[in-house]
Amino acid sequence: MTTHTPAADVIDRMTTAATAIDALRGPIEVGPPWPVRAVEGEGPEAEWGAPEVLAHVAEMLQYWLGEVERVLAGAPEPVPFGRIASDPLRTLTIERDRSLPSGELINRIQSTVARYAARLPDLSAADWNRRGLHPRLGEMNVAAMLERFVVTHLEEHATQLTEAVRSRAAGS
């Protein structure tokens, strides 16, 4: 009997979402030119096209893995971590990277999900409960950080990309 751990659940959900994004590789590459959307400030990510979403997902996965490591390594608890949507480095990175080939961004997403899959099984129960302090949301443990900023967010963007490709194929 296999014991399901928090790591197994997180990795499973991330892998499923990353696989869904990878399955869109062909249609996204055939789909250009995609309209360019504004990325500044706290504008709605729901309005972004494939280039912005892929650049964002590739950037955010790496960013939040680093923030999890910051909380795991920091003391005393709660360890300050995170950012808000209007963070200039976030928006500038998305602006820069949305011009990269979509295949490169999808490869980055796959690679970073593999890094999570390699790292998360090493976390102890105490690690999952380590506390960080987000500038807007307050205290969160590592499990909540991963759920809010990584897993659910990745799943939402996989759905968003699927819908954008479907809409584009339907000529909407």
Protein backbone atom coordinates (compact mmCIF):
# COMPACT_ATOMS: atom_id res chain seq x y z
CA MET A 1 0.00 0.00 0.00
CA THR A 2 1.33 3.44 -0.98
CA THR A 3 1.08 6.16 1.63
CA HIS A 4 -0.14 9.44 0.16
CA THR A 5 1.87 12.34 1.54
CA PRO A 6 1.37 16.08 1.12
CA ALA A 7 4.29 15.94 -1.32
CA ALA A 8 2.64 13.22 -3.40
CA ASP A 9 -0.60 15.19 -3.66
CA VAL A 10 1.18 18.43 -4.60
CA ILE A 11 3.44 16.72 -7.13
CA ASP A 12 0.51 14.84 -8.66
CA ARG A 13 -1.54 18.00 -9.15
CA MET A 14 1.42 19.99 -10.47
CA THR A 15 2.37 17.23 -12.89
CA THR A 16 -1.21 16.98 -14.16
CA ALA A 17 -1.37 20.73 -14.80
CA ALA A 18 2.09 20.82 -16.41
CA THR A 19 1.13 17.89 -18.65
CA ALA A 20 -2.01 19.76 -19.73
CA ILE A 21 0.13 22.77 -20.64
CA ASP A 22 2.62 20.59 -22.52
CA ALA A 23 -0.26 19.05 -24.50
CA LEU A 24 -1.07 22.57 -25.76
CA ARG A 25 2.44 23.06 -27.18
CA GLY A 26 1.41 22.48 -30.82
CA PRO A 27 -1.75 24.58 -30.82
CA ILE A 28 -0.02 27.43 -29.00
CA GLU A 29 2.89 27.41 -31.45
CA VAL A 30 0.48 27.34 -34.42
CA GLY A 31 -1.70 30.03 -32.88
CA PRO A 32 0.52 33.13 -33.24
CA PRO A 33 0.31 35.97 -33.51
CA TRP A 34 -1.30 36.14 -30.10
CA PRO A 35 -2.50 39.59 -29.02
CA VAL A 36 -0.16 41.35 -26.61
CA ARG A 37 -1.83 42.16 -23.28
CA ALA A 38 -0.90 44.66 -20.59
CA VAL A 39 1.08 43.13 -17.73
CA GLU A 40 1.55 46.18 -15.52
CA GLY A 41 0.29 46.49 -11.98
CA GLU A 42 -2.34 44.20 -10.60
CA GLY A 43 -4.22 43.88 -13.90
CA PRO A 44 -6.31 40.77 -14.37
CA GLU A 45 -4.28 37.74 -15.38
CA ALA A 46 -7.51 36.32 -16.80
CA GLU A 47 -7.16 38.68 -19.77
CA TRP A 48 -3.66 37.57 -20.71
CA GLY A 49 -2.94 35.64 -23.88
CA ALA A 50 -0.77 32.56 -24.19
CA PRO A 51 2.58 34.47 -24.31
CA GLU A 52 1.91 36.30 -21.05
CA VAL A 53 0.50 33.25 -19.26
CA LEU A 54 3.42 31.02 -20.27
CA ALA A 55 5.97 33.67 -19.26
CA HIS A 56 4.17 34.18 -15.96
CA VAL A 57 3.92 30.47 -15.15
CA ALA A 58 7.57 29.86 -15.99
CA GLU A 59 8.58 32.79 -13.79
CA MET A 60 6.23 32.15 -10.88
CA LEU A 61 7.11 28.47 -10.49
CA GLN A 62 10.78 29.30 -10.04
CA TYR A 63 10.05 32.28 -7.83
CA TRP A 64 7.84 30.38 -5.37
CA LEU A 65 10.24 27.45 -5.16
CA GLY A 66 12.85 29.95 -3.98
CA GLU A 67 10.41 31.48 -1.50
CA VAL A 68 9.62 28.06 -0.05
CA GLU A 69 13.36 27.51 0.40
CA ARG A 70 13.63 30.96 2.05
CA VAL A 71 11.00 29.98 4.64
CA LEU A 72 12.55 26.55 5.20
CA ALA A 73 16.01 28.05 5.80
CA GLY A 74 14.95 31.14 7.74
CA ALA A 75 14.62 31.89 11.40
CA PRO A 76 12.95 33.03 13.52
CA GLU A 77 9.49 32.19 12.32
CA PRO A 78 7.47 33.59 10.70
CA VAL A 79 10.02 34.25 7.94
CA PRO A 80 9.17 37.19 5.64
CA PHE A 81 8.52 35.94 2.11
CA GLY A 82 6.68 36.70 -1.10
CA ARG A 83 5.53 39.66 -3.10
CA ILE A 84 2.39 41.27 -4.41
CA ALA A 85 1.14 41.17 -8.01
CA SER A 86 2.42 44.66 -8.82
CA ASP A 87 6.03 43.76 -7.95
CA PRO A 88 8.12 45.41 -10.71
CA LEU A 89 10.53 42.48 -11.08
CA ARG A 90 7.56 40.15 -11.66
CA THR A 91 5.96 42.35 -14.29
CA LEU A 92 9.25 43.16 -16.05
CA THR A 93 10.19 39.47 -16.23
CA ILE A 94 6.83 38.60 -17.78
CA GLU A 95 7.15 41.51 -20.23
CA ARG A 96 10.63 40.31 -21.23
CA ASP A 97 9.93 36.59 -21.43
CA ARG A 98 6.62 36.69 -23.28
CA SER A 99 8.62 37.24 -26.49
CA LEU A 100 10.47 33.93 -26.05
CA PRO A 101 9.34 30.98 -28.14
CA SER A 102 6.44 29.24 -26.43
CA GLY A 103 8.28 25.92 -26.58
CA GLU A 104 11.11 27.37 -24.49
CA LEU A 105 8.66 28.63 -21.87
CA ILE A 106 6.86 25.27 -21.77
CA ASN A 107 10.24 23.54 -21.34
CA ARG A 108 11.00 25.85 -18.40
CA ILE A 109 7.65 24.98 -16.82
CA GLN A 110 8.29 21.25 -17.20
CA SER A 111 11.82 21.59 -15.81
CA THR A 112 10.70 23.54 -12.75
CA VAL A 113 7.86 21.14 -11.99
CA ALA A 114 10.49 18.37 -12.07
CA ARG A 115 12.52 20.38 -9.52
CA TYR A 116 9.50 20.54 -7.20
CA ALA A 117 8.99 16.78 -7.69
CA ALA A 118 12.61 16.17 -6.69
CA ARG A 119 12.54 18.53 -3.68
CA LEU A 120 9.17 18.11 -2.00
CA PRO A 121 9.51 14.45 -0.96
CA ASP A 122 12.49 15.51 1.18
CA LEU A 123 10.33 17.79 3.36
CA SER A 124 9.54 16.58 6.86
CA ALA A 125 6.21 17.14 8.60
CA ALA A 126 7.88 20.01 10.48
CA ASP A 127 9.00 21.52 7.15
CA TRP A 128 5.44 21.51 5.80
CA ASN A 129 4.42 23.47 8.91
CA ARG A 130 7.24 26.05 8.83
CA ARG A 131 5.70 29.51 8.88
CA GLY A 132 6.29 32.47 6.64
CA LEU A 133 4.87 35.99 6.68
CA HIS A 134 3.44 37.23 3.38
CA PRO A 135 3.22 41.05 2.92
CA ARG A 136 -0.51 40.95 2.16
CA LEU A 137 -1.87 37.60 3.34
CA GLY A 138 -0.02 37.34 6.64
CA GLU A 139 1.15 34.09 8.23
CA MET A 140 1.14 30.95 6.10
CA ASN A 141 2.84 27.60 6.47
CA VAL A 142 4.73 25.94 3.62
CA ALA A 143 1.75 23.71 2.78
CA ALA A 144 -0.52 26.76 2.43
CA MET A 145 2.11 28.62 0.40
CA LEU A 146 2.36 25.76 -2.06
CA GLU A 147 -1.41 25.39 -2.33
CA ARG A 148 -2.13 29.11 -2.84
CA PHE A 149 0.82 30.33 -4.88
CA VAL A 150 1.88 27.24 -6.81
CA VAL A 151 -0.56 24.36 -7.17
CA THR A 152 -3.92 26.10 -7.48
CA HIS A 153 -2.37 28.93 -9.49
CA LEU A 154 -0.73 26.49 -11.92
CA GLU A 155 -4.01 24.60 -12.33
CA GLU A 156 -5.88 27.85 -13.02
CA HIS A 157 -3.41 28.87 -15.70
CA ALA A 158 -3.50 25.41 -17.33
CA THR A 159 -7.28 25.82 -17.60
CA GLN A 160 -6.87 29.38 -18.89
CA LEU A 161 -4.47 28.23 -21.62
CA THR A 162 -6.77 25.36 -22.60
CA GLU A 163 -9.69 27.78 -22.93
CA ALA A 164 -7.59 30.30 -24.90
CA VAL A 165 -6.54 27.62 -27.39
CA ARG A 166 -10.13 26.37 -27.73
CA SER A 167 -11.42 29.90 -28.23
CA ARG A 168 -8.73 30.63 -30.80
CA ALA A 169 -9.51 27.40 -32.68
CA ALA A 170 -13.21 28.30 -32.72
CA GLY A 171 -12.34 31.70 -34.19
CA SER A 172 -13.58 33.73 -31.24
